[in-house]
Amino acid sequence: YGLLFNGIDYVVDDPEIKALLEVQKSKNPYEVPTVTVKRGSKGNIARWLQWELVEAGYDQPFTYNYKTYSGVKIDGNIGPISEAALLSFQQSCKIEADGKCGKITKQELLKNKGE
């Protein structure tokens, strides 16, 4: 899903894949929320989570639990698409997939950015 981790050397020969790996994540313009973000959350706390999910590759169509979703949009409203992306992300990190972005999920989202 587009996750890149610091401290890992990604060695590839394919120039297209190499170019993708060289893309660095942008700095999230929204402040890290101090509260748990979940379905129904609105405003900048929702935008922060959506930004991180987009940076993790969930802006493209993805499948979670046998259903395909169109991709996360940064609209400040955690609805079914953002929630499914969050659940998929949590599952991919092997953390509790509860659809709530609390301390552990925030740490996982920030981990590959060195923040």
PDB file of N, CA and C in Angstrom:
ATOM      1  N   TYR A   1       0.810  -1.196   0.000  1.00  0.00           N
ATOM      2  CA  TYR A   1       0.000   0.000   0.000  1.00  0.00           C
ATOM      3  C   TYR A   1       0.856   1.265   0.000  1.00  0.00           C
ATOM      4  N   GLY A   2       2.043   1.182  -0.466  1.00  0.00           N
ATOM      5  CA  GLY A   2       2.866   2.368  -0.566  1.00  0.00           C
ATOM      6  C   GLY A   2       3.647   2.704   0.696  1.00  0.00           C
ATOM      7  N   LEU A   3       3.716   1.803   1.649  1.00  0.00           N
ATOM      8  CA  LEU A   3       4.450   2.089   2.882  1.00  0.00           C
ATOM      9  C   LEU A   3       5.949   1.938   2.640  1.00  0.00           C
ATOM     10  N   LEU A   4       6.708   2.924   3.066  1.00  0.00           N
ATOM     11  CA  LEU A   4       8.158   2.870   3.004  1.00  0.00           C
ATOM     12  C   LEU A   4       8.681   3.025   4.420  1.00  0.00           C
ATOM     13  N   PHE A   5       9.665   2.236   4.777  1.00  0.00           N
ATOM     14  CA  PHE A   5      10.180   2.253   6.130  1.00  0.00           C
ATOM     15  C   PHE A   5      11.615   2.757   6.146  1.00  0.00           C
ATOM     16  N   ASN A   6      11.915   3.630   7.099  1.00  0.00           N
ATOM     17  CA  ASN A   6      13.278   4.124   7.280  1.00  0.00           C
ATOM     18  C   ASN A   6      14.160   2.966   7.712  1.00  0.00           C
ATOM     19  N   GLY A   7      15.418   3.024   7.299  1.00  0.00           N
ATOM     20  CA  GLY A   7      16.371   2.006   7.715  1.00  0.00           C
ATOM     21  C   GLY A   7      16.363   0.754   6.857  1.00  0.00           C
ATOM     22  N   ILE A   8      15.522   0.727   5.842  1.00  0.00           N
ATOM     23  CA  ILE A   8      15.492  -0.422   4.935  1.00  0.00           C
ATOM     24  C   ILE A   8      15.947   0.054   3.567  1.00  0.00           C
ATOM     25  N   ASP A   9      16.927  -0.637   2.991  1.00  0.00           N
ATOM     26  CA  ASP A   9      17.381  -0.310   1.645  1.00  0.00           C
ATOM     27  C   ASP A   9      16.529  -1.070   0.645  1.00  0.00           C
ATOM     28  N   TYR A  10      15.876  -0.328  -0.228  1.00  0.00           N
ATOM     29  CA  TYR A  10      15.047  -0.932  -1.260  1.00  0.00           C
ATOM     30  C   TYR A  10      15.864  -0.966  -2.543  1.00  0.00           C
ATOM     31  N   VAL A  11      16.343  -2.155  -2.919  1.00  0.00           N
ATOM     32  CA  VAL A  11      17.176  -2.307  -4.098  1.00  0.00           C
ATOM     33  C   VAL A  11      16.345  -2.981  -5.187  1.00  0.00           C
ATOM     34  N   VAL A  12      16.149  -2.248  -6.285  1.00  0.00           N
ATOM     35  CA  VAL A  12      15.400  -2.788  -7.409  1.00  0.00           C
ATOM     36  C   VAL A  12      16.079  -2.360  -8.705  1.00  0.00           C
ATOM     37  N   ASP A  13      15.905  -3.162  -9.748  1.00  0.00           N
ATOM     38  CA  ASP A  13      16.482  -2.843 -11.044  1.00  0.00           C
ATOM     39  C   ASP A  13      15.493  -2.127 -11.960  1.00  0.00           C
ATOM     40  N   ASP A  14      14.219  -2.340 -11.748  1.00  0.00           N
ATOM     41  CA  ASP A  14      13.196  -1.745 -12.601  1.00  0.00           C
ATOM     42  C   ASP A  14      13.151  -0.228 -12.366  1.00  0.00           C
ATOM     43  N   PRO A  15      13.402   0.593 -13.424  1.00  0.00           N
ATOM     44  CA  PRO A  15      13.441   2.047 -13.232  1.00  0.00           C
ATOM     45  C   PRO A  15      12.105   2.647 -12.779  1.00  0.00           C
ATOM     46  N   GLU A  16      10.999   2.078 -13.199  1.00  0.00           N
ATOM     47  CA  GLU A  16       9.696   2.600 -12.791  1.00  0.00           C
ATOM     48  C   GLU A  16       9.459   2.364 -11.300  1.00  0.00           C
ATOM     49  N   ILE A  17       9.780   1.170 -10.842  1.00  0.00           N
ATOM     50  CA  ILE A  17       9.616   0.868  -9.417  1.00  0.00           C
ATOM     51  C   ILE A  17      10.613   1.686  -8.607  1.00  0.00           C
ATOM     52  N   LYS A  18      11.819   1.826  -9.108  1.00  0.00           N
ATOM     53  CA  LYS A  18      12.833   2.622  -8.408  1.00  0.00           C
ATOM     54  C   LYS A  18      12.356   4.062  -8.219  1.00  0.00           C
ATOM     55  N   ALA A  19      11.741   4.638  -9.239  1.00  0.00           N
ATOM     56  CA  ALA A  19      11.223   6.008  -9.146  1.00  0.00           C
ATOM     57  C   ALA A  19      10.133   6.102  -8.083  1.00  0.00           C
ATOM     58  N   LEU A  20       9.292   5.089  -8.001  1.00  0.00           N
ATOM     59  CA  LEU A  20       8.237   5.083  -6.989  1.00  0.00           C
ATOM     60  C   LEU A  20       8.810   5.019  -5.589  1.00  0.00           C
ATOM     61  N   LEU A  21       9.858   4.248  -5.414  1.00  0.00           N
ATOM     62  CA  LEU A  21      10.466   4.112  -4.091  1.00  0.00           C
ATOM     63  C   LEU A  21      11.182   5.380  -3.649  1.00  0.00           C
ATOM     64  N   GLU A  22      11.585   6.209  -4.608  1.00  0.00           N
ATOM     65  CA  GLU A  22      12.292   7.438  -4.271  1.00  0.00           C
ATOM     66  C   GLU A  22      11.344   8.556  -3.852  1.00  0.00           C
ATOM     67  N   VAL A  23      10.053   8.368  -4.068  1.00  0.00           N
ATOM     68  CA  VAL A  23       9.081   9.386  -3.675  1.00  0.00           C
ATOM     69  C   VAL A  23       8.990   9.415  -2.153  1.00  0.00           C
ATOM     70  N   GLN A  24       9.180  10.567  -1.595  1.00  0.00           N
ATOM     71  CA  GLN A  24       9.100  10.717  -0.151  1.00  0.00           C
ATOM     72  C   GLN A  24       7.708  11.189   0.242  1.00  0.00           C
ATOM     73  N   LYS A  25       7.265  10.772   1.399  1.00  0.00           N
ATOM     74  CA  LYS A  25       5.967  11.209   1.890  1.00  0.00           C
ATOM     75  C   LYS A  25       6.022  12.683   2.238  1.00  0.00           C
ATOM     76  N   SER A  26       4.925  13.354   1.992  1.00  0.00           N
ATOM     77  CA  SER A  26       4.807  14.769   2.321  1.00  0.00           C
ATOM     78  C   SER A  26       4.492  14.936   3.799  1.00  0.00           C
ATOM     79  N   LYS A  27       4.792  16.120   4.319  1.00  0.00           N
ATOM     80  CA  LYS A  27       4.465  16.419   5.710  1.00  0.00           C
ATOM     81  C   LYS A  27       2.966  16.678   5.811  1.00  0.00           C
ATOM     82  N   ASN A  28       2.356  16.033   6.763  1.00  0.00           N
ATOM     83  CA  ASN A  28       0.916  16.197   6.983  1.00  0.00           C
ATOM     84  C   ASN A  28       0.665  17.616   7.495  1.00  0.00           C
ATOM     85  N   PRO A  29      -0.192  18.395   6.803  1.00  0.00           N
ATOM     86  CA  PRO A  29      -0.444  19.771   7.229  1.00  0.00           C
ATOM     87  C   PRO A  29      -1.366  19.878   8.448  1.00  0.00           C
ATOM     88  N   TYR A  30      -1.944  18.757   8.850  1.00  0.00           N
ATOM     89  CA  TYR A  30      -2.876  18.766   9.982  1.00  0.00           C
ATOM     90  C   TYR A  30      -2.171  18.262  11.236  1.00  0.00           C
ATOM     91  N   GLU A  31      -2.550  18.804  12.370  1.00  0.00           N
ATOM     92  CA  GLU A  31      -1.945  18.432  13.646  1.00  0.00           C
ATOM     93  C   GLU A  31      -2.386  17.028  14.052  1.00  0.00           C
ATOM     94  N   VAL A  32      -1.447  16.269  14.617  1.00  0.00           N
ATOM     95  CA  VAL A  32      -1.761  14.926  15.095  1.00  0.00           C
ATOM     96  C   VAL A  32      -2.855  15.038  16.159  1.00  0.00           C
ATOM     97  N   PRO A  33      -3.954  14.314  15.986  1.00  0.00           N
ATOM     98  CA  PRO A  33      -5.048  14.411  16.967  1.00  0.00           C
ATOM     99  C   PRO A  33      -4.644  13.860  18.328  1.00  0.00           C
ATOM    100  N   THR A  34      -5.201  14.446  19.358  1.00  0.00           N
ATOM    101  CA  THR A  34      -4.965  13.970  20.719  1.00  0.00           C
ATOM    102  C   THR A  34      -6.096  13.061  21.178  1.00  0.00           C
ATOM    103  N   VAL A  35      -7.091  12.897  20.318  1.00  0.00           N
ATOM    104  CA  VAL A  35      -8.239  12.040  20.621  1.00  0.00           C
ATOM    105  C   VAL A  35      -8.270  10.887  19.631  1.00  0.00           C
ATOM    106  N   THR A  36      -9.057   9.874  19.933  1.00  0.00           N
ATOM    107  CA  THR A  36      -9.245   8.749  19.025  1.00  0.00           C
ATOM    108  C   THR A  36     -10.107   9.200  17.851  1.00  0.00           C
ATOM    109  N   VAL A  37      -9.661   8.857  16.644  1.00  0.00           N
ATOM    110  CA  VAL A  37     -10.402   9.205  15.432  1.00  0.00           C
ATOM    111  C   VAL A  37     -11.086   7.942  14.937  1.00  0.00           C
ATOM    112  N   LYS A  38     -12.383   8.047  14.637  1.00  0.00           N
ATOM    113  CA  LYS A  38     -13.153   6.878  14.208  1.00  0.00           C
ATOM    114  C   LYS A  38     -14.280   7.343  13.295  1.00  0.00           C
ATOM    115  N   ARG A  39     -15.055   6.384  12.805  1.00  0.00           N
ATOM    116  CA  ARG A  39     -16.178   6.711  11.935  1.00  0.00           C
ATOM    117  C   ARG A  39     -17.071   7.745  12.626  1.00  0.00           C
ATOM    118  N   GLY A  40     -17.428   8.780  11.886  1.00  0.00           N
ATOM    119  CA  GLY A  40     -18.224   9.865  12.430  1.00  0.00           C
ATOM    120  C   GLY A  40     -17.393  11.069  12.847  1.00  0.00           C
ATOM    121  N   SER A  41     -16.064  10.886  12.995  1.00  0.00           N
ATOM    122  CA  SER A  41     -15.192  12.010  13.330  1.00  0.00           C
ATOM    123  C   SER A  41     -15.178  12.996  12.169  1.00  0.00           C
ATOM    124  N   LYS A  42     -15.116  14.276  12.511  1.00  0.00           N
ATOM    125  CA  LYS A  42     -15.150  15.324  11.485  1.00  0.00           C
ATOM    126  C   LYS A  42     -14.089  16.376  11.763  1.00  0.00           C
ATOM    127  N   GLY A  43     -13.811  17.171  10.753  1.00  0.00           N
ATOM    128  CA  GLY A  43     -12.895  18.292  10.898  1.00  0.00           C
ATOM    129  C   GLY A  43     -11.443  17.900  10.679  1.00  0.00           C
ATOM    130  N   ASN A  44     -10.551  18.678  11.281  1.00  0.00           N
ATOM    131  CA  ASN A  44      -9.118  18.464  11.051  1.00  0.00           C
ATOM    132  C   ASN A  44      -8.594  17.147  11.614  1.00  0.00           C
ATOM    133  N   ILE A  45      -9.236  16.610  12.660  1.00  0.00           N
ATOM    134  CA  ILE A  45      -8.780  15.302  13.152  1.00  0.00           C
ATOM    135  C   ILE A  45      -9.057  14.231  12.099  1.00  0.00           C
ATOM    136  N   ALA A  46     -10.170  14.355  11.404  1.00  0.00           N
ATOM    137  CA  ALA A  46     -10.493  13.420  10.329  1.00  0.00           C
ATOM    138  C   ALA A  46      -9.555  13.643   9.140  1.00  0.00           C
ATOM    139  N   ARG A  47      -9.291  14.897   8.829  1.00  0.00           N
ATOM    140  CA  ARG A  47      -8.380  15.205   7.712  1.00  0.00           C
ATOM    141  C   ARG A  47      -6.984  14.656   7.977  1.00  0.00           C
ATOM    142  N   TRP A  48      -6.506  14.724   9.238  1.00  0.00           N
ATOM    143  CA  TRP A  48      -5.191  14.176   9.561  1.00  0.00           C
ATOM    144  C   TRP A  48      -5.141  12.688   9.216  1.00  0.00           C
ATOM    145  N   LEU A  49      -6.144  11.949   9.690  1.00  0.00           N
ATOM    146  CA  LEU A  49      -6.175  10.509   9.421  1.00  0.00           C
ATOM    147  C   LEU A  49      -6.288  10.242   7.925  1.00  0.00           C
ATOM    148  N   GLN A  50      -7.159  10.957   7.246  1.00  0.00           N
ATOM    149  CA  GLN A  50      -7.329  10.746   5.807  1.00  0.00           C
ATOM    150  C   GLN A  50      -6.037  11.056   5.055  1.00  0.00           C
ATOM    151  N   TRP A  51      -5.322  12.098   5.459  1.00  0.00           N
ATOM    152  CA  TRP A  51      -4.032  12.424   4.833  1.00  0.00           C
ATOM    153  C   TRP A  51      -3.074  11.244   4.974  1.00  0.00           C
ATOM    154  N   GLU A  52      -2.978  10.703   6.186  1.00  0.00           N
ATOM    155  CA  GLU A  52      -2.071   9.576   6.426  1.00  0.00           C
ATOM    156  C   GLU A  52      -2.477   8.348   5.613  1.00  0.00           C
ATOM    157  N   LEU A  53      -3.774   8.098   5.514  1.00  0.00           N
ATOM    158  CA  LEU A  53      -4.247   6.953   4.725  1.00  0.00           C
ATOM    159  C   LEU A  53      -3.951   7.151   3.239  1.00  0.00           C
ATOM    160  N   VAL A  54      -4.112   8.371   2.749  1.00  0.00           N
ATOM    161  CA  VAL A  54      -3.772   8.677   1.355  1.00  0.00           C
ATOM    162  C   VAL A  54      -2.281   8.457   1.136  1.00  0.00           C
ATOM    163  N   GLU A  55      -1.454   8.933   2.072  1.00  0.00           N
ATOM    164  CA  GLU A  55      -0.007   8.749   1.961  1.00  0.00           C
ATOM    165  C   GLU A  55       0.373   7.266   1.992  1.00  0.00           C
ATOM    166  N   ALA A  56      -0.446   6.459   2.651  1.00  0.00           N
ATOM    167  CA  ALA A  56      -0.195   5.014   2.721  1.00  0.00           C
ATOM    168  C   ALA A  56      -0.735   4.284   1.497  1.00  0.00           C
ATOM    169  N   GLY A  57      -1.323   5.018   0.558  1.00  0.00           N
ATOM    170  CA  GLY A  57      -1.767   4.410  -0.696  1.00  0.00           C
ATOM    171  C   GLY A  57      -3.248   4.147  -0.811  1.00  0.00           C
ATOM    172  N   TYR A  58      -4.011   4.544   0.172  1.00  0.00           N
ATOM    173  CA  TYR A  58      -5.442   4.260   0.158  1.00  0.00           C
ATOM    174  C   TYR A  58      -6.265   5.284  -0.611  1.00  0.00           C
ATOM    175  N   ASP A  59      -5.610   6.140  -1.393  1.00  0.00           N
ATOM    176  CA  ASP A  59      -6.350   7.041  -2.271  1.00  0.00           C
ATOM    177  C   ASP A  59      -6.741   6.335  -3.564  1.00  0.00           C
ATOM    178  N   GLN A  60      -6.196   5.167  -3.783  1.00  0.00           N
ATOM    179  CA  GLN A  60      -6.519   4.336  -4.941  1.00  0.00           C
ATOM    180  C   GLN A  60      -7.575   3.313  -4.545  1.00  0.00           C
ATOM    181  N   PRO A  61      -8.301   2.755  -5.516  1.00  0.00           N
ATOM    182  CA  PRO A  61      -9.265   1.703  -5.163  1.00  0.00           C
ATOM    183  C   PRO A  61      -8.570   0.572  -4.394  1.00  0.00           C
ATOM    184  N   PHE A  62      -9.236   0.071  -3.370  1.00  0.00           N
ATOM    185  CA  PHE A  62      -8.689  -1.001  -2.554  1.00  0.00           C
ATOM    186  C   PHE A  62      -9.824  -1.928  -2.147  1.00  0.00           C
ATOM    187  N   THR A  63      -9.445  -3.116  -1.734  1.00  0.00           N
ATOM    188  CA  THR A  63     -10.422  -4.105  -1.301  1.00  0.00           C
ATOM    189  C   THR A  63     -10.178  -4.429   0.161  1.00  0.00           C
ATOM    190  N   TYR A  64     -11.247  -4.429   0.916  1.00  0.00           N
ATOM    191  CA  TYR A  64     -11.180  -4.845   2.309  1.00  0.00           C
ATOM    192  C   TYR A  64     -12.405  -5.694   2.593  1.00  0.00           C
ATOM    193  N   ASN A  65     -12.174  -6.843   3.199  1.00  0.00           N
ATOM    194  CA  ASN A  65     -13.268  -7.740   3.579  1.00  0.00           C
ATOM    195  C   ASN A  65     -14.151  -8.087   2.379  1.00  0.00           C
ATOM    196  N   TYR A  66     -13.510  -8.362   1.249  1.00  0.00           N
ATOM    197  CA  TYR A  66     -14.155  -8.781   0.002  1.00  0.00           C
ATOM    198  C   TYR A  66     -14.998  -7.694  -0.659  1.00  0.00           C
ATOM    199  N   LYS A  67     -14.851  -6.455  -0.238  1.00  0.00           N
ATOM    200  CA  LYS A  67     -15.580  -5.348  -0.857  1.00  0.00           C
ATOM    201  C   LYS A  67     -14.561  -4.351  -1.393  1.00  0.00           C
ATOM    202  N   THR A  68     -14.806  -3.823  -2.589  1.00  0.00           N
ATOM    203  CA  THR A  68     -13.906  -2.855  -3.190  1.00  0.00           C
ATOM    204  C   THR A  68     -14.405  -1.438  -2.914  1.00  0.00           C
ATOM    205  N   TYR A  69     -13.464  -0.574  -2.523  1.00  0.00           N
ATOM    206  CA  TYR A  69     -13.761   0.819  -2.203  1.00  0.00           C
ATOM    207  C   TYR A  69     -13.023   1.723  -3.192  1.00  0.00           C
ATOM    208  N   SER A  70     -13.575   2.902  -3.418  1.00  0.00           N
ATOM    209  CA  SER A  70     -13.044   3.801  -4.445  1.00  0.00           C
ATOM    210  C   SER A  70     -11.758   4.522  -4.054  1.00  0.00           C
ATOM    211  N   GLY A  71     -11.444   4.611  -2.809  1.00  0.00           N
ATOM    212  CA  GLY A  71     -10.250   5.317  -2.361  1.00  0.00           C
ATOM    213  C   GLY A  71     -10.627   6.471  -1.450  1.00  0.00           C
ATOM    214  N   VAL A  72      -9.736   6.765  -0.512  1.00  0.00           N
ATOM    215  CA  VAL A  72      -9.974   7.809   0.489  1.00  0.00           C
ATOM    216  C   VAL A  72      -9.811   9.188  -0.137  1.00  0.00           C
ATOM    217  N   LYS A  73     -10.724  10.068   0.195  1.00  0.00           N
ATOM    218  CA  LYS A  73     -10.648  11.489  -0.168  1.00  0.00           C
ATOM    219  C   LYS A  73     -10.495  12.278   1.131  1.00  0.00           C
ATOM    220  N   ILE A  74      -9.724  13.337   1.094  1.00  0.00           N
ATOM    221  CA  ILE A  74      -9.531  14.170   2.285  1.00  0.00           C
ATOM    222  C   ILE A  74     -10.659  15.198   2.320  1.00  0.00           C
ATOM    223  N   ASP A  75     -11.742  14.803   2.984  1.00  0.00           N
ATOM    224  CA  ASP A  75     -12.926  15.668   3.033  1.00  0.00           C
ATOM    225  C   ASP A  75     -13.330  16.041   4.457  1.00  0.00           C
ATOM    226  N   GLY A  76     -12.570  15.565   5.457  1.00  0.00           N
ATOM    227  CA  GLY A  76     -12.864  15.919   6.839  1.00  0.00           C
ATOM    228  C   GLY A  76     -14.031  15.178   7.452  1.00  0.00           C
ATOM    229  N   ASN A  77     -14.391  14.043   6.880  1.00  0.00           N
ATOM    230  CA  ASN A  77     -15.509  13.247   7.396  1.00  0.00           C
ATOM    231  C   ASN A  77     -15.141  11.771   7.310  1.00  0.00           C
ATOM    232  N   ILE A  78     -15.009  11.105   8.456  1.00  0.00           N
ATOM    233  CA  ILE A  78     -14.674   9.683   8.449  1.00  0.00           C
ATOM    234  C   ILE A  78     -15.960   8.890   8.228  1.00  0.00           C
ATOM    235  N   GLY A  79     -16.119   8.437   7.001  1.00  0.00           N
ATOM    236  CA  GLY A  79     -17.267   7.635   6.611  1.00  0.00           C
ATOM    237  C   GLY A  79     -16.835   6.208   6.321  1.00  0.00           C
ATOM    238  N   PRO A  80     -17.655   5.462   5.572  1.00  0.00           N
ATOM    239  CA  PRO A  80     -17.364   4.046   5.342  1.00  0.00           C
ATOM    240  C   PRO A  80     -16.074   3.776   4.564  1.00  0.00           C
ATOM    241  N   ILE A  81     -15.699   4.649   3.637  1.00  0.00           N
ATOM    242  CA  ILE A  81     -14.472   4.413   2.868  1.00  0.00           C
ATOM    243  C   ILE A  81     -13.246   4.621   3.745  1.00  0.00           C
ATOM    244  N   SER A  82     -13.209   5.719   4.485  1.00  0.00           N
ATOM    245  CA  SER A  82     -12.071   5.973   5.381  1.00  0.00           C
ATOM    246  C   SER A  82     -11.982   4.901   6.457  1.00  0.00           C
ATOM    247  N   GLU A  83     -13.128   4.477   6.963  1.00  0.00           N
ATOM    248  CA  GLU A  83     -13.129   3.441   7.996  1.00  0.00           C
ATOM    249  C   GLU A  83     -12.586   2.122   7.434  1.00  0.00           C
ATOM    250  N   ALA A  84     -13.001   1.754   6.227  1.00  0.00           N
ATOM    251  CA  ALA A  84     -12.510   0.508   5.614  1.00  0.00           C
ATOM    252  C   ALA A  84     -11.004   0.595   5.364  1.00  0.00           C
ATOM    253  N   ALA A  85     -10.523   1.762   4.927  1.00  0.00           N
ATOM    254  CA  ALA A  85      -9.086   1.943   4.713  1.00  0.00           C
ATOM    255  C   ALA A  85      -8.334   1.816   6.037  1.00  0.00           C
ATOM    256  N   LEU A  86      -8.883   2.403   7.085  1.00  0.00           N
ATOM    257  CA  LEU A  86      -8.266   2.309   8.407  1.00  0.00           C
ATOM    258  C   LEU A  86      -8.209   0.853   8.869  1.00  0.00           C
ATOM    259  N   LEU A  87      -9.294   0.134   8.716  1.00  0.00           N
ATOM    260  CA  LEU A  87      -9.325  -1.288   9.098  1.00  0.00           C
ATOM    261  C   LEU A  87      -8.311  -2.093   8.297  1.00  0.00           C
ATOM    262  N   SER A  88      -8.234  -1.831   6.999  1.00  0.00           N
ATOM    263  CA  SER A  88      -7.276  -2.526   6.146  1.00  0.00           C
ATOM    264  C   SER A  88      -5.841  -2.206   6.576  1.00  0.00           C
ATOM    265  N   PHE A  89      -5.576  -0.936   6.862  1.00  0.00           N
ATOM    266  CA  PHE A  89      -4.250  -0.534   7.321  1.00  0.00           C
ATOM    267  C   PHE A  89      -3.899  -1.242   8.626  1.00  0.00           C
ATOM    268  N   GLN A  90      -4.825  -1.235   9.569  1.00  0.00           N
ATOM    269  CA  GLN A  90      -4.573  -1.888  10.860  1.00  0.00           C
ATOM    270  C   GLN A  90      -4.281  -3.371  10.660  1.00  0.00           C
ATOM    271  N   GLN A  91      -5.056  -4.006   9.819  1.00  0.00           N
ATOM    272  CA  GLN A  91      -4.852  -5.426   9.550  1.00  0.00           C
ATOM    273  C   GLN A  91      -3.477  -5.663   8.931  1.00  0.00           C
ATOM    274  N   SER A  92      -3.068  -4.781   8.000  1.00  0.00           N
ATOM    275  CA  SER A  92      -1.772  -4.953   7.342  1.00  0.00           C
ATOM    276  C   SER A  92      -0.611  -4.774   8.318  1.00  0.00           C
ATOM    277  N   CYS A  93      -0.838  -4.010   9.386  1.00  0.00           N
ATOM    278  CA  CYS A  93       0.196  -3.789  10.413  1.00  0.00           C
ATOM    279  C   CYS A  93       0.148  -4.831  11.522  1.00  0.00           C
ATOM    280  N   LYS A  94      -0.839  -5.718  11.431  1.00  0.00           N
ATOM    281  CA  LYS A  94      -1.014  -6.763  12.444  1.00  0.00           C
ATOM    282  C   LYS A  94      -1.272  -6.180  13.839  1.00  0.00           C
ATOM    283  N   ILE A  95      -2.066  -5.103  13.842  1.00  0.00           N
ATOM    284  CA  ILE A  95      -2.538  -4.544  15.104  1.00  0.00           C
ATOM    285  C   ILE A  95      -4.043  -4.741  15.142  1.00  0.00           C
ATOM    286  N   GLU A  96      -4.645  -4.514  16.304  1.00  0.00           N
ATOM    287  CA  GLU A  96      -6.086  -4.728  16.423  1.00  0.00           C
ATOM    288  C   GLU A  96      -6.834  -3.885  15.391  1.00  0.00           C
ATOM    289  N   ALA A  97      -7.598  -4.558  14.532  1.00  0.00           N
ATOM    290  CA  ALA A  97      -8.392  -3.877  13.510  1.00  0.00           C
ATOM    291  C   ALA A  97      -9.760  -3.564  14.098  1.00  0.00           C
ATOM    292  N   ASP A  98      -9.827  -2.385  14.750  1.00  0.00           N
ATOM    293  CA  ASP A  98     -11.066  -1.989  15.411  1.00  0.00           C
ATOM    294  C   ASP A  98     -11.706  -0.753  14.791  1.00  0.00           C
ATOM    295  N   GLY A  99     -11.063  -0.192  13.757  1.00  0.00           N
ATOM    296  CA  GLY A  99     -11.613   0.986  13.097  1.00  0.00           C
ATOM    297  C   GLY A  99     -11.460   2.260  13.898  1.00  0.00           C
ATOM    298  N   LYS A 100     -10.623   2.219  14.927  1.00  0.00           N
ATOM    299  CA  LYS A 100     -10.375   3.395  15.759  1.00  0.00           C
ATOM    300  C   LYS A 100      -8.901   3.754  15.675  1.00  0.00           C
ATOM    301  N   CYS A 101      -8.629   4.992  15.362  1.00  0.00           N
ATOM    302  CA  CYS A 101      -7.249   5.454  15.264  1.00  0.00           C
ATOM    303  C   CYS A 101      -6.848   6.069  16.596  1.00  0.00           C
ATOM    304  N   GLY A 102      -6.323   5.214  17.445  1.00  0.00           N
ATOM    305  CA  GLY A 102      -5.829   5.635  18.754  1.00  0.00           C
ATOM    306  C   GLY A 102      -4.313   5.686  18.735  1.00  0.00           C
ATOM    307  N   LYS A 103      -3.719   5.587  19.908  1.00  0.00           N
ATOM    308  CA  LYS A 103      -2.270   5.740  20.069  1.00  0.00           C
ATOM    309  C   LYS A 103      -1.458   4.773  19.198  1.00  0.00           C
ATOM    310  N   ILE A 104      -1.800   3.494  19.235  1.00  0.00           N
ATOM    311  CA  ILE A 104      -1.015   2.490  18.504  1.00  0.00           C
ATOM    312  C   ILE A 104      -1.138   2.695  16.995  1.00  0.00           C
ATOM    313  N   THR A 105      -2.348   2.944  16.517  1.00  0.00           N
ATOM    314  CA  THR A 105      -2.541   3.152  15.081  1.00  0.00           C
ATOM    315  C   THR A 105      -1.826   4.416  14.624  1.00  0.00           C
ATOM    316  N   LYS A 106      -1.888   5.482  15.414  1.00  0.00           N
ATOM    317  CA  LYS A 106      -1.162   6.716  15.076  1.00  0.00           C
ATOM    318  C   LYS A 106       0.328   6.438  14.964  1.00  0.00           C
ATOM    319  N   GLN A 107       0.866   5.655  15.900  1.00  0.00           N
ATOM    320  CA  GLN A 107       2.291   5.312  15.868  1.00  0.00           C
ATOM    321  C   GLN A 107       2.629   4.561  14.583  1.00  0.00           C
ATOM    322  N   GLU A 108       1.783   3.626  14.183  1.00  0.00           N
ATOM    323  CA  GLU A 108       2.026   2.866  12.958  1.00  0.00           C
ATOM    324  C   GLU A 108       1.957   3.760  11.728  1.00  0.00           C
ATOM    325  N   LEU A 109       1.011   4.691  11.702  1.00  0.00           N
ATOM    326  CA  LEU A 109       0.895   5.612  10.572  1.00  0.00           C
ATOM    327  C   LEU A 109       2.126   6.497  10.456  1.00  0.00           C
ATOM    328  N   LEU A 110       2.690   6.907  11.580  1.00  0.00           N
ATOM    329  CA  LEU A 110       3.835   7.798  11.587  1.00  0.00           C
ATOM    330  C   LEU A 110       5.163   7.072  11.474  1.00  0.00           C
ATOM    331  N   LYS A 111       5.164   5.786  11.735  1.00  0.00           N
ATOM    332  CA  LYS A 111       6.414   5.013  11.836  1.00  0.00           C
ATOM    333  C   LYS A 111       7.301   5.132  10.602  1.00  0.00           C
ATOM    334  N   ASN A 112       6.744   5.028   9.430  1.00  0.00           N
ATOM    335  CA  ASN A 112       7.591   5.010   8.237  1.00  0.00           C
ATOM    336  C   ASN A 112       7.976   6.409   7.777  1.00  0.00           C
ATOM    337  N   LYS A 113       7.609   7.445   8.532  1.00  0.00           N
ATOM    338  CA  LYS A 113       7.981   8.798   8.173  1.00  0.00           C
ATOM    339  C   LYS A 113       9.066   9.348   9.096  1.00  0.00           C
ATOM    340  N   GLY A 114       9.405   8.593  10.104  1.00  0.00           N
ATOM    341  CA  GLY A 114      10.439   9.035  11.018  1.00  0.00           C
ATOM    342  C   GLY A 114       9.972  10.136  11.963  1.00  0.00           C
ATOM    343  N   GLU A 115       8.668  10.259  12.154  1.00  0.00           N
ATOM    344  CA  GLU A 115       8.143  11.299  13.053  1.00  0.00           C
ATOM    345  C   GLU A 115       7.994  10.776  14.463  1.00  0.00           C
TER     346      GLU A 115
END
